[in-house]
Amino acid sequence: METSTLSSKGQIIIPKPVRDAHHWRPGTEFVVEPFADGILLRPRKPFPATQLEAGLGCAGYSGPAKDLAELKQGLLEAVRRQWQKGEEP
């Protein structure tokens, strides 16, 4: 178990093994929540949670609806074209 000490400025250092395990880098923002007899730190998500329905139509496609097989085929063709050109997919 890792430990840390509260500074006179109210700061706590998150031990390096914990930061590394979670891939937290300088500048990572956290939400601080009161929890039972302590606090809970959660990394702040860069974007608010959304529902799928909120994003539908934002891609600009205005043709007929495509089924999953058509979407998969289109993706495979695009990756194949990029691969043949020597580009990263």
C-alpha atoms as a PDB file:
ATOM      1  CA  MET A   1       0.000   0.000   0.000  1.00  0.00           C
ATOM      2  CA  GLU A   2       1.324   3.425  -0.957  1.00  0.00           C
ATOM      3  CA  THR A   3       1.037   6.394   1.434  1.00  0.00           C
ATOM      4  CA  SER A   4       1.237  10.175   1.096  1.00  0.00           C
ATOM      5  CA  THR A   5       1.186  13.164   3.469  1.00  0.00           C
ATOM      6  CA  LEU A   6      -1.036  16.231   3.266  1.00  0.00           C
ATOM      7  CA  SER A   7       1.098  19.377   2.816  1.00  0.00           C
ATOM      8  CA  SER A   8       0.519  22.718   4.547  1.00  0.00           C
ATOM      9  CA  LYS A   9      -1.047  23.893   1.261  1.00  0.00           C
ATOM     10  CA  GLY A  10      -3.556  21.020   1.246  1.00  0.00           C
ATOM     11  CA  GLN A  11      -1.706  19.079  -1.456  1.00  0.00           C
ATOM     12  CA  ILE A  12      -1.229  15.323  -1.654  1.00  0.00           C
ATOM     13  CA  ILE A  13       1.257  13.643  -3.968  1.00  0.00           C
ATOM     14  CA  ILE A  14      -0.052  10.563  -5.718  1.00  0.00           C
ATOM     15  CA  PRO A  15       2.793   8.015  -5.517  1.00  0.00           C
ATOM     16  CA  LYS A  16       4.596   7.346  -8.818  1.00  0.00           C
ATOM     17  CA  PRO A  17       3.712   3.620  -8.999  1.00  0.00           C
ATOM     18  CA  VAL A  18       0.018   4.536  -8.748  1.00  0.00           C
ATOM     19  CA  ARG A  19       0.328   7.307 -11.378  1.00  0.00           C
ATOM     20  CA  ASP A  20       2.212   4.980 -13.706  1.00  0.00           C
ATOM     21  CA  ALA A  21      -0.292   2.147 -13.270  1.00  0.00           C
ATOM     22  CA  HIS A  22      -3.138   4.470 -14.318  1.00  0.00           C
ATOM     23  CA  HIS A  23      -1.161   6.399 -16.952  1.00  0.00           C
ATOM     24  CA  TRP A  24      -1.850   9.706 -15.168  1.00  0.00           C
ATOM     25  CA  ARG A  25       0.403  12.468 -16.456  1.00  0.00           C
ATOM     26  CA  PRO A  26       1.033  16.024 -15.234  1.00  0.00           C
ATOM     27  CA  GLY A  27      -2.046  18.112 -15.910  1.00  0.00           C
ATOM     28  CA  THR A  28      -4.512  15.266 -15.372  1.00  0.00           C
ATOM     29  CA  GLU A  29      -7.611  16.734 -13.726  1.00  0.00           C
ATOM     30  CA  PHE A  30      -9.464  14.862 -11.006  1.00  0.00           C
ATOM     31  CA  VAL A  31     -12.935  15.029  -9.543  1.00  0.00           C
ATOM     32  CA  VAL A  32     -12.766  14.898  -5.724  1.00  0.00           C
ATOM     33  CA  GLU A  33     -15.777  13.241  -4.081  1.00  0.00           C
ATOM     34  CA  PRO A  34     -16.455  12.808  -0.354  1.00  0.00           C
ATOM     35  CA  PHE A  35     -16.676   9.073   0.289  1.00  0.00           C
ATOM     36  CA  ALA A  36     -17.455   7.240   3.538  1.00  0.00           C
ATOM     37  CA  ASP A  37     -14.527   8.130   5.829  1.00  0.00           C
ATOM     38  CA  GLY A  38     -12.287   9.631   3.125  1.00  0.00           C
ATOM     39  CA  ILE A  39     -12.319  10.923  -0.432  1.00  0.00           C
ATOM     40  CA  LEU A  40     -12.492   9.366  -3.858  1.00  0.00           C
ATOM     41  CA  LEU A  41     -10.377  10.750  -6.720  1.00  0.00           C
ATOM     42  CA  ARG A  42     -11.566  10.087 -10.249  1.00  0.00           C
ATOM     43  CA  PRO A  43      -9.851  11.345 -13.391  1.00  0.00           C
ATOM     44  CA  ARG A  44     -12.085  13.936 -15.009  1.00  0.00           C
ATOM     45  CA  LYS A  45     -13.341  12.735 -18.351  1.00  0.00           C
ATOM     46  CA  PRO A  46     -12.447  15.106 -21.192  1.00  0.00           C
ATOM     47  CA  PHE A  47     -15.942  14.894 -22.670  1.00  0.00           C
ATOM     48  CA  PRO A  48     -19.306  14.588 -20.950  1.00  0.00           C
ATOM     49  CA  ALA A  49     -21.088  11.253 -21.226  1.00  0.00           C
ATOM     50  CA  THR A  50     -23.519  11.154 -24.142  1.00  0.00           C
ATOM     51  CA  GLN A  51     -26.138   8.867 -25.559  1.00  0.00           C
ATOM     52  CA  LEU A  52     -25.767   7.302 -29.007  1.00  0.00           C
ATOM     53  CA  GLU A  53     -28.916   9.061 -30.173  1.00  0.00           C
ATOM     54  CA  ALA A  54     -27.315  12.452 -29.482  1.00  0.00           C
ATOM     55  CA  GLY A  55     -24.544  11.750 -31.986  1.00  0.00           C
ATOM     56  CA  LEU A  56     -26.606  10.255 -34.775  1.00  0.00           C
ATOM     57  CA  GLY A  57     -26.536  12.361 -37.876  1.00  0.00           C
ATOM     58  CA  CYS A  58     -23.403  14.299 -36.946  1.00  0.00           C
ATOM     59  CA  ALA A  59     -21.230  12.522 -39.537  1.00  0.00           C
ATOM     60  CA  GLY A  60     -22.886  14.306 -42.434  1.00  0.00           C
ATOM     61  CA  TYR A  61     -24.084  11.181 -44.255  1.00  0.00           C
ATOM     62  CA  SER A  62     -27.441  11.846 -45.869  1.00  0.00           C
ATOM     63  CA  GLY A  63     -27.941   8.732 -48.022  1.00  0.00           C
ATOM     64  CA  PRO A  64     -30.033   5.665 -47.316  1.00  0.00           C
ATOM     65  CA  ALA A  65     -29.442   3.785 -44.069  1.00  0.00           C
ATOM     66  CA  LYS A  66     -26.651   1.185 -44.178  1.00  0.00           C
ATOM     67  CA  ASP A  67     -26.747  -2.144 -42.393  1.00  0.00           C
ATOM     68  CA  LEU A  68     -23.827  -3.580 -40.426  1.00  0.00           C
ATOM     69  CA  ALA A  69     -22.582  -5.715 -43.331  1.00  0.00           C
ATOM     70  CA  GLU A  70     -22.436  -2.662 -45.627  1.00  0.00           C
ATOM     71  CA  LEU A  71     -20.574  -0.639 -42.998  1.00  0.00           C
ATOM     72  CA  LYS A  72     -18.076  -3.450 -42.466  1.00  0.00           C
ATOM     73  CA  GLN A  73     -17.519  -3.825 -46.221  1.00  0.00           C
ATOM     74  CA  GLY A  74     -16.948  -0.077 -46.601  1.00  0.00           C
ATOM     75  CA  LEU A  75     -14.403  -0.051 -43.776  1.00  0.00           C
ATOM     76  CA  LEU A  76     -12.555  -3.054 -45.205  1.00  0.00           C
ATOM     77  CA  GLU A  77     -12.360  -1.384 -48.619  1.00  0.00           C
ATOM     78  CA  ALA A  78     -11.050   1.866 -47.123  1.00  0.00           C
ATOM     79  CA  VAL A  79      -8.380   0.022 -45.114  1.00  0.00           C
ATOM     80  CA  ARG A  80      -7.396  -1.999 -48.190  1.00  0.00           C
ATOM     81  CA  ARG A  81      -6.980   1.206 -50.264  1.00  0.00           C
ATOM     82  CA  GLN A  82      -4.840   2.807 -47.554  1.00  0.00           C
ATOM     83  CA  TRP A  83      -2.735  -0.356 -47.176  1.00  0.00           C
ATOM     84  CA  GLN A  84      -2.124  -0.517 -50.929  1.00  0.00           C
ATOM     85  CA  LYS A  85      -0.925   3.112 -50.843  1.00  0.00           C
ATOM     86  CA  GLY A  86       1.366   2.278 -47.919  1.00  0.00           C
ATOM     87  CA  GLU A  87      -0.553   4.536 -45.514  1.00  0.00           C
ATOM     88  CA  GLU A  88      -1.431   3.853 -41.902  1.00  0.00           C
ATOM     89  CA  PRO A  89      -5.132   2.934 -41.491  1.00  0.00           C
END
